[in-house]
């Protein structure tokens, strides 16, 4: 949509002295796998592990880009979930 939820949270919290911690999930089978099936995790036997992304793929750079984008908001930290 048109909202910038992180900006709204930072703008509301900072004047009150409240920290803003951004929650992000790194191991989820959503947009990234649909748009980039080459990022899927592969087992030692070569079979694809459905619903999982491989961090040794373009996905790592994609996630680093997201984190860099979030840091520009002057947040106080991250809760990075599902690193497995």
PDB file of N, CA and C in Angstrom:
ATOM      1  N   UNK A   1       0.809  -1.181   0.000  1.00  0.00           N
ATOM      2  CA  UNK A   1       0.000   0.000   0.000  1.00  0.00           C
ATOM      3  C   UNK A   1       0.857   1.251   0.000  1.00  0.00           C
ATOM      4  N   UNK A   2       0.266   2.306   0.452  1.00  0.00           N
ATOM      5  CA  UNK A   2       0.942   3.602   0.457  1.00  0.00           C
ATOM      6  C   UNK A   2       1.549   3.950   1.809  1.00  0.00           C
ATOM      7  N   UNK A   3       1.281   3.147   2.825  1.00  0.00           N
ATOM      8  CA  UNK A   3       1.810   3.454   4.155  1.00  0.00           C
ATOM      9  C   UNK A   3       3.272   3.050   4.281  1.00  0.00           C
ATOM     10  N   UNK A   4       3.989   3.759   5.116  1.00  0.00           N
ATOM     11  CA  UNK A   4       5.369   3.432   5.467  1.00  0.00           C
ATOM     12  C   UNK A   4       5.354   3.146   6.959  1.00  0.00           C
ATOM     13  N   UNK A   5       5.078   1.900   7.304  1.00  0.00           N
ATOM     14  CA  UNK A   5       4.820   1.521   8.693  1.00  0.00           C
ATOM     15  C   UNK A   5       6.044   1.717   9.579  1.00  0.00           C
ATOM     16  N   UNK A   6       7.230   1.423   9.065  1.00  0.00           N
ATOM     17  CA  UNK A   6       8.434   1.632   9.886  1.00  0.00           C
ATOM     18  C   UNK A   6       8.611   3.121  10.172  1.00  0.00           C
ATOM     19  N   UNK A   7       8.434   3.956   9.172  1.00  0.00           N
ATOM     20  CA  UNK A   7       8.551   5.407   9.382  1.00  0.00           C
ATOM     21  C   UNK A   7       7.528   5.870  10.405  1.00  0.00           C
ATOM     22  N   UNK A   8       6.298   5.390  10.307  1.00  0.00           N
ATOM     23  CA  UNK A   8       5.258   5.771  11.264  1.00  0.00           C
ATOM     24  C   UNK A   8       5.650   5.371  12.687  1.00  0.00           C
ATOM     25  N   UNK A   9       6.190   4.172  12.840  1.00  0.00           N
ATOM     26  CA  UNK A   9       6.582   3.693  14.170  1.00  0.00           C
ATOM     27  C   UNK A   9       7.729   4.517  14.737  1.00  0.00           C
ATOM     28  N   UNK A  10       8.744   4.776  13.919  1.00  0.00           N
ATOM     29  CA  UNK A  10       9.892   5.573  14.372  1.00  0.00           C
ATOM     30  C   UNK A  10       9.447   6.983  14.729  1.00  0.00           C
ATOM     31  N   UNK A  11       8.636   7.596  13.890  1.00  0.00           N
ATOM     32  CA  UNK A  11       8.185   8.971  14.141  1.00  0.00           C
ATOM     33  C   UNK A  11       7.336   9.070  15.408  1.00  0.00           C
ATOM     34  N   UNK A  12       6.579   8.035  15.710  1.00  0.00           N
ATOM     35  CA  UNK A  12       5.748   8.048  16.920  1.00  0.00           C
ATOM     36  C   UNK A  12       6.558   7.712  18.167  1.00  0.00           C
ATOM     37  N   UNK A  13       7.536   6.822  18.049  1.00  0.00           N
ATOM     38  CA  UNK A  13       8.275   6.333  19.218  1.00  0.00           C
ATOM     39  C   UNK A  13       9.403   7.255  19.662  1.00  0.00           C
ATOM     40  N   UNK A  14      10.148   7.802  18.730  1.00  0.00           N
ATOM     41  CA  UNK A  14      11.343   8.577  19.079  1.00  0.00           C
ATOM     42  C   UNK A  14      11.054   9.754  20.009  1.00  0.00           C
ATOM     43  N   UNK A  15      10.003  10.556  19.783  1.00  0.00           N
ATOM     44  CA  UNK A  15       9.744  11.671  20.705  1.00  0.00           C
ATOM     45  C   UNK A  15       9.428  11.208  22.131  1.00  0.00           C
ATOM     46  N   UNK A  16       9.008   9.961  22.266  1.00  0.00           N
ATOM     47  CA  UNK A  16       8.688   9.406  23.581  1.00  0.00           C
ATOM     48  C   UNK A  16       9.870   8.665  24.192  1.00  0.00           C
ATOM     49  N   UNK A  17      10.989   8.633  23.488  1.00  0.00           N
ATOM     50  CA  UNK A  17      12.174   7.934  23.988  1.00  0.00           C
ATOM     51  C   UNK A  17      12.042   6.422  23.935  1.00  0.00           C
ATOM     52  N   UNK A  18      11.143   5.916  23.112  1.00  0.00           N
ATOM     53  CA  UNK A  18      10.932   4.470  23.004  1.00  0.00           C
ATOM     54  C   UNK A  18      11.799   3.891  21.892  1.00  0.00           C
ATOM     55  N   UNK A  19      12.433   2.748  22.132  1.00  0.00           N
ATOM     56  CA  UNK A  19      13.217   2.116  21.068  1.00  0.00           C
ATOM     57  C   UNK A  19      12.298   1.468  20.038  1.00  0.00           C
ATOM     58  N   UNK A  20      12.791   1.373  18.819  1.00  0.00           N
ATOM     59  CA  UNK A  20      12.060   0.689  17.755  1.00  0.00           C
ATOM     60  C   UNK A  20      12.899  -0.504  17.309  1.00  0.00           C
ATOM     61  N   UNK A  21      12.350  -1.682  17.496  1.00  0.00           N
ATOM     62  CA  UNK A  21      12.987  -2.930  17.082  1.00  0.00           C
ATOM     63  C   UNK A  21      12.168  -3.482  15.921  1.00  0.00           C
ATOM     64  N   UNK A  22      12.806  -3.736  14.790  1.00  0.00           N
ATOM     65  CA  UNK A  22      12.112  -4.227  13.603  1.00  0.00           C
ATOM     66  C   UNK A  22      12.202  -5.747  13.570  1.00  0.00           C
ATOM     67  N   UNK A  23      11.055  -6.372  13.413  1.00  0.00           N
ATOM     68  CA  UNK A  23      10.958  -7.829  13.302  1.00  0.00           C
ATOM     69  C   UNK A  23      11.030  -8.214  11.836  1.00  0.00           C
ATOM     70  N   UNK A  24      11.886  -9.156  11.516  1.00  0.00           N
ATOM     71  CA  UNK A  24      11.968  -9.644  10.142  1.00  0.00           C
ATOM     72  C   UNK A  24      12.202 -11.147  10.153  1.00  0.00           C
ATOM     73  N   UNK A  25      11.599 -11.829   9.210  1.00  0.00           N
ATOM     74  CA  UNK A  25      11.731 -13.283   9.078  1.00  0.00           C
ATOM     75  C   UNK A  25      12.631 -13.552   7.889  1.00  0.00           C
ATOM     76  N   UNK A  26      13.669 -14.340   8.093  1.00  0.00           N
ATOM     77  CA  UNK A  26      14.578 -14.615   6.984  1.00  0.00           C
ATOM     78  C   UNK A  26      14.365 -15.987   6.361  1.00  0.00           C
ATOM     79  N   UNK A  27      13.706 -16.886   7.046  1.00  0.00           N
ATOM     80  CA  UNK A  27      13.532 -18.236   6.511  1.00  0.00           C
ATOM     81  C   UNK A  27      12.049 -18.507   6.337  1.00  0.00           C
ATOM     82  N   UNK A  28      11.507 -18.000   5.259  1.00  0.00           N
ATOM     83  CA  UNK A  28      10.085 -18.199   4.988  1.00  0.00           C
ATOM     84  C   UNK A  28       9.899 -18.425   3.500  1.00  0.00           C
ATOM     85  N   UNK A  29       9.008 -19.302   3.157  1.00  0.00           N
ATOM     86  CA  UNK A  29       8.792 -19.650   1.753  1.00  0.00           C
ATOM     87  C   UNK A  29       7.741 -18.790   1.104  1.00  0.00           C
ATOM     88  N   UNK A  30       7.996 -17.530   0.979  1.00  0.00           N
ATOM     89  CA  UNK A  30       7.022 -16.624   0.391  1.00  0.00           C
ATOM     90  C   UNK A  30       7.480 -16.067  -0.933  1.00  0.00           C
ATOM     91  N   UNK A  31       7.472 -14.756  -1.011  1.00  0.00           N
ATOM     92  CA  UNK A  31       7.783 -14.037  -2.236  1.00  0.00           C
ATOM     93  C   UNK A  31       9.122 -14.470  -2.836  1.00  0.00           C
ATOM     94  N   UNK A  32      10.138 -14.574  -2.011  1.00  0.00           N
ATOM     95  CA  UNK A  32      11.485 -14.856  -2.522  1.00  0.00           C
ATOM     96  C   UNK A  32      11.524 -16.164  -3.308  1.00  0.00           C
ATOM     97  N   UNK A  33      10.911 -17.206  -2.789  1.00  0.00           N
ATOM     98  CA  UNK A  33      10.942 -18.502  -3.479  1.00  0.00           C
ATOM     99  C   UNK A  33      10.056 -18.476  -4.723  1.00  0.00           C
ATOM    100  N   UNK A  34       8.933 -17.793  -4.641  1.00  0.00           N
ATOM    101  CA  UNK A  34       8.063 -17.710  -5.833  1.00  0.00           C
ATOM    102  C   UNK A  34       8.762 -16.964  -6.964  1.00  0.00           C
ATOM    103  N   UNK A  35       9.439 -15.869  -6.634  1.00  0.00           N
ATOM    104  CA  UNK A  35      10.095 -15.054  -7.653  1.00  0.00           C
ATOM    105  C   UNK A  35      11.467 -15.576  -8.061  1.00  0.00           C
ATOM    106  N   UNK A  36      12.114 -16.314  -7.159  1.00  0.00           N
ATOM    107  CA  UNK A  36      13.477 -16.812  -7.412  1.00  0.00           C
ATOM    108  C   UNK A  36      13.594 -18.270  -6.983  1.00  0.00           C
ATOM    109  N   UNK A  37      13.013 -19.189  -7.737  1.00  0.00           N
ATOM    110  CA  UNK A  37      13.089 -20.601  -7.355  1.00  0.00           C
ATOM    111  C   UNK A  37      14.529 -21.118  -7.287  1.00  0.00           C
ATOM    112  N   UNK A  38      15.453 -20.426  -7.946  1.00  0.00           N
ATOM    113  CA  UNK A  38      16.867 -20.835  -7.886  1.00  0.00           C
ATOM    114  C   UNK A  38      17.462 -20.608  -6.500  1.00  0.00           C
ATOM    115  N   UNK A  39      16.758 -19.900  -5.623  1.00  0.00           N
ATOM    116  CA  UNK A  39      17.225 -19.662  -4.254  1.00  0.00           C
ATOM    117  C   UNK A  39      16.783 -20.758  -3.290  1.00  0.00           C
ATOM    118  N   UNK A  40      16.060 -21.768  -3.764  1.00  0.00           N
ATOM    119  CA  UNK A  40      15.581 -22.821  -2.868  1.00  0.00           C
ATOM    120  C   UNK A  40      16.742 -23.615  -2.285  1.00  0.00           C
ATOM    121  N   UNK A  41      16.541 -24.069  -1.065  1.00  0.00           N
ATOM    122  CA  UNK A  41      17.545 -24.886  -0.390  1.00  0.00           C
ATOM    123  C   UNK A  41      17.574 -26.269  -1.026  1.00  0.00           C
ATOM    124  N   UNK A  42      18.774 -26.814  -1.177  1.00  0.00           N
ATOM    125  CA  UNK A  42      18.961 -28.131  -1.778  1.00  0.00           C
ATOM    126  C   UNK A  42      19.700 -29.012  -0.776  1.00  0.00           C
ATOM    127  N   UNK A  43      19.214 -30.234  -0.605  1.00  0.00           N
ATOM    128  CA  UNK A  43      19.829 -31.193   0.313  1.00  0.00           C
ATOM    129  C   UNK A  43      21.110 -31.767  -0.308  1.00  0.00           C
ATOM    130  N   UNK A  44      21.872 -32.472   0.508  1.00  0.00           N
ATOM    131  CA  UNK A  44      23.129 -33.067   0.053  1.00  0.00           C
ATOM    132  C   UNK A  44      22.918 -34.021  -1.121  1.00  0.00           C
ATOM    133  N   UNK A  45      21.747 -34.646  -1.183  1.00  0.00           N
ATOM    134  CA  UNK A  45      21.469 -35.581  -2.279  1.00  0.00           C
ATOM    135  C   UNK A  45      20.935 -34.883  -3.534  1.00  0.00           C
ATOM    136  N   UNK A  46      20.857 -33.556  -3.503  1.00  0.00           N
ATOM    137  CA  UNK A  46      20.406 -32.791  -4.657  1.00  0.00           C
ATOM    138  C   UNK A  46      18.919 -32.517  -4.700  1.00  0.00           C
ATOM    139  N   UNK A  47      18.172 -33.064  -3.755  1.00  0.00           N
ATOM    140  CA  UNK A  47      16.730 -32.824  -3.740  1.00  0.00           C
ATOM    141  C   UNK A  47      16.435 -31.452  -3.136  1.00  0.00           C
ATOM    142  N   UNK A  48      15.381 -30.821  -3.643  1.00  0.00           N
ATOM    143  CA  UNK A  48      14.988 -29.498  -3.171  1.00  0.00           C
ATOM    144  C   UNK A  48      14.245 -29.635  -1.847  1.00  0.00           C
ATOM    145  N   UNK A  49      14.582 -28.792  -0.892  1.00  0.00           N
ATOM    146  CA  UNK A  49      13.888 -28.753   0.394  1.00  0.00           C
ATOM    147  C   UNK A  49      12.810 -27.684   0.248  1.00  0.00           C
ATOM    148  N   UNK A  50      11.572 -28.102   0.084  1.00  0.00           N
ATOM    149  CA  UNK A  50      10.465 -27.184  -0.199  1.00  0.00           C
ATOM    150  C   UNK A  50      10.253 -26.189   0.939  1.00  0.00           C
ATOM    151  N   UNK A  51       9.964 -24.953   0.556  1.00  0.00           N
ATOM    152  CA  UNK A  51       9.637 -23.914   1.519  1.00  0.00           C
ATOM    153  C   UNK A  51      10.826 -23.318   2.245  1.00  0.00           C
ATOM    154  N   UNK A  52      12.028 -23.676   1.843  1.00  0.00           N
ATOM    155  CA  UNK A  52      13.228 -23.175   2.509  1.00  0.00           C
ATOM    156  C   UNK A  52      14.115 -22.477   1.497  1.00  0.00           C
ATOM    157  N   UNK A  53      14.746 -21.404   1.911  1.00  0.00           N
ATOM    158  CA  UNK A  53      15.681 -20.703   1.041  1.00  0.00           C
ATOM    159  C   UNK A  53      17.112 -21.013   1.475  1.00  0.00           C
ATOM    160  N   UNK A  54      18.008 -20.975   0.520  1.00  0.00           N
ATOM    161  CA  UNK A  54      19.428 -21.221   0.780  1.00  0.00           C
ATOM    162  C   UNK A  54      20.119 -19.883   0.988  1.00  0.00           C
ATOM    163  N   UNK A  55      20.853 -19.766   2.083  1.00  0.00           N
ATOM    164  CA  UNK A  55      21.568 -18.523   2.361  1.00  0.00           C
ATOM    165  C   UNK A  55      22.816 -18.374   1.496  1.00  0.00           C
ATOM    166  N   UNK A  56      23.230 -19.443   0.833  1.00  0.00           N
ATOM    167  CA  UNK A  56      24.370 -19.387  -0.084  1.00  0.00           C
ATOM    168  C   UNK A  56      23.866 -19.192  -1.510  1.00  0.00           C
ATOM    169  N   UNK A  57      22.969 -18.255  -1.666  1.00  0.00           N
ATOM    170  CA  UNK A  57      22.389 -17.933  -2.970  1.00  0.00           C
ATOM    171  C   UNK A  57      22.209 -16.417  -3.025  1.00  0.00           C
ATOM    172  N   UNK A  58      21.533 -15.944  -4.044  1.00  0.00           N
ATOM    173  CA  UNK A  58      21.228 -14.525  -4.152  1.00  0.00           C
ATOM    174  C   UNK A  58      20.351 -14.019  -3.028  1.00  0.00           C
ATOM    175  N   UNK A  59      19.748 -14.950  -2.289  1.00  0.00           N
ATOM    176  CA  UNK A  59      18.875 -14.560  -1.177  1.00  0.00           C
ATOM    177  C   UNK A  59      19.644 -13.794  -0.107  1.00  0.00           C
ATOM    178  N   UNK A  60      20.884 -14.165   0.123  1.00  0.00           N
ATOM    179  CA  UNK A  60      21.682 -13.476   1.147  1.00  0.00           C
ATOM    180  C   UNK A  60      21.809 -11.983   0.806  1.00  0.00           C
ATOM    181  N   UNK A  61      22.138 -11.670  -0.436  1.00  0.00           N
ATOM    182  CA  UNK A  61      22.273 -10.273  -0.837  1.00  0.00           C
ATOM    183  C   UNK A  61      20.930  -9.558  -0.766  1.00  0.00           C
ATOM    184  N   UNK A  62      19.859 -10.262  -1.117  1.00  0.00           N
ATOM    185  CA  UNK A  62      18.513  -9.706  -1.012  1.00  0.00           C
ATOM    186  C   UNK A  62      18.217  -9.313   0.429  1.00  0.00           C
ATOM    187  N   UNK A  63      18.513 -10.197   1.393  1.00  0.00           N
ATOM    188  CA  UNK A  63      18.257  -9.909   2.804  1.00  0.00           C
ATOM    189  C   UNK A  63      19.150  -8.779   3.310  1.00  0.00           C
ATOM    190  N   UNK A  64      20.405  -8.754   2.890  1.00  0.00           N
ATOM    191  CA  UNK A  64      21.300  -7.661   3.295  1.00  0.00           C
ATOM    192  C   UNK A  64      20.772  -6.321   2.783  1.00  0.00           C
ATOM    193  N   UNK A  65      20.196  -6.319   1.592  1.00  0.00           N
ATOM    194  CA  UNK A  65      19.597  -5.105   1.060  1.00  0.00           C
ATOM    195  C   UNK A  65      18.411  -4.646   1.888  1.00  0.00           C
ATOM    196  N   UNK A  66      17.572  -5.597   2.325  1.00  0.00           N
ATOM    197  CA  UNK A  66      16.435  -5.251   3.182  1.00  0.00           C
ATOM    198  C   UNK A  66      16.902  -4.669   4.508  1.00  0.00           C
ATOM    199  N   UNK A  67      17.914  -5.293   5.096  1.00  0.00           N
ATOM    200  CA  UNK A  67      18.435  -4.809   6.379  1.00  0.00           C
ATOM    201  C   UNK A  67      19.033  -3.414   6.209  1.00  0.00           C
ATOM    202  N   UNK A  68      19.769  -3.199   5.136  1.00  0.00           N
ATOM    203  CA  UNK A  68      20.340  -1.870   4.868  1.00  0.00           C
ATOM    204  C   UNK A  68      19.230  -0.826   4.729  1.00  0.00           C
ATOM    205  N   UNK A  69      18.166  -1.191   4.047  1.00  0.00           N
ATOM    206  CA  UNK A  69      17.032  -0.284   3.881  1.00  0.00           C
ATOM    207  C   UNK A  69      16.408   0.055   5.234  1.00  0.00           C
ATOM    208  N   UNK A  70      16.254  -0.942   6.101  1.00  0.00           N
ATOM    209  CA  UNK A  70      15.651  -0.700   7.414  1.00  0.00           C
ATOM    210  C   UNK A  70      16.554   0.143   8.307  1.00  0.00           C
ATOM    211  N   UNK A  71      17.874  -0.034   8.202  1.00  0.00           N
ATOM    212  CA  UNK A  71      18.801   0.755   9.013  1.00  0.00           C
ATOM    213  C   UNK A  71      18.704   2.245   8.715  1.00  0.00           C
ATOM    214  N   UNK A  72      18.290   2.596   7.509  1.00  0.00           N
ATOM    215  CA  UNK A  72      18.165   4.004   7.130  1.00  0.00           C
ATOM    216  C   UNK A  72      17.068   4.702   7.931  1.00  0.00           C
ATOM    217  N   UNK A  73      16.221   3.947   8.626  1.00  0.00           N
ATOM    218  CA  UNK A  73      15.134   4.527   9.412  1.00  0.00           C
ATOM    219  C   UNK A  73      15.555   4.934  10.817  1.00  0.00           C
ATOM    220  N   UNK A  74      16.811   4.766  11.178  1.00  0.00           N
ATOM    221  CA  UNK A  74      17.278   5.091  12.526  1.00  0.00           C
ATOM    222  C   UNK A  74      16.571   4.242  13.577  1.00  0.00           C
ATOM    223  N   UNK A  75      16.458   2.936  13.270  1.00  0.00           N
ATOM    224  CA  UNK A  75      15.863   2.004  14.232  1.00  0.00           C
ATOM    225  C   UNK A  75      16.913   1.646  15.280  1.00  0.00           C
ATOM    226  N   UNK A  76      16.456   1.005  16.339  1.00  0.00           N
ATOM    227  CA  UNK A  76      17.366   0.646  17.435  1.00  0.00           C
ATOM    228  C   UNK A  76      17.856  -0.780  17.394  1.00  0.00           C
ATOM    229  N   UNK A  77      17.246  -1.608  16.566  1.00  0.00           N
ATOM    230  CA  UNK A  77      17.697  -2.978  16.467  1.00  0.00           C
ATOM    231  C   UNK A  77      16.752  -3.828  15.641  1.00  0.00           C
ATOM    232  N   UNK A  78      17.132  -5.104  15.551  1.00  0.00           N
ATOM    233  CA  UNK A  78      16.361  -6.088  14.776  1.00  0.00           C
ATOM    234  C   UNK A  78      16.019  -7.278  15.652  1.00  0.00           C
ATOM    235  N   UNK A  79      14.907  -7.890  15.346  1.00  0.00           N
ATOM    236  CA  UNK A  79      14.629  -9.250  15.802  1.00  0.00           C
ATOM    237  C   UNK A  79      14.586 -10.056  14.518  1.00  0.00           C
ATOM    238  N   UNK A  80      15.672 -10.755  14.234  1.00  0.00           N
ATOM    239  CA  UNK A  80      15.761 -11.568  13.021  1.00  0.00           C
ATOM    240  C   UNK A  80      15.337 -12.976  13.401  1.00  0.00           C
ATOM    241  N   UNK A  81      14.232 -13.421  12.853  1.00  0.00           N
ATOM    242  CA  UNK A  81      13.631 -14.701  13.228  1.00  0.00           C
ATOM    243  C   UNK A  81      13.844 -15.752  12.147  1.00  0.00           C
ATOM    244  N   UNK A  82      13.843 -16.974  12.587  1.00  0.00           N
ATOM    245  CA  UNK A  82      13.886 -18.159  11.730  1.00  0.00           C
ATOM    246  C   UNK A  82      15.194 -18.312  10.958  1.00  0.00           C
ATOM    247  N   UNK A  83      16.305 -18.130  11.647  1.00  0.00           N
ATOM    248  CA  UNK A  83      17.604 -18.384  11.013  1.00  0.00           C
ATOM    249  C   UNK A  83      17.891 -19.881  10.900  1.00  0.00           C
ATOM    250  N   UNK A  84      17.186 -20.682  11.667  1.00  0.00           N
ATOM    251  CA  UNK A  84      17.364 -22.134  11.684  1.00  0.00           C
ATOM    252  C   UNK A  84      18.821 -22.503  11.880  1.00  0.00           C
TER     253      UNK A  84
END
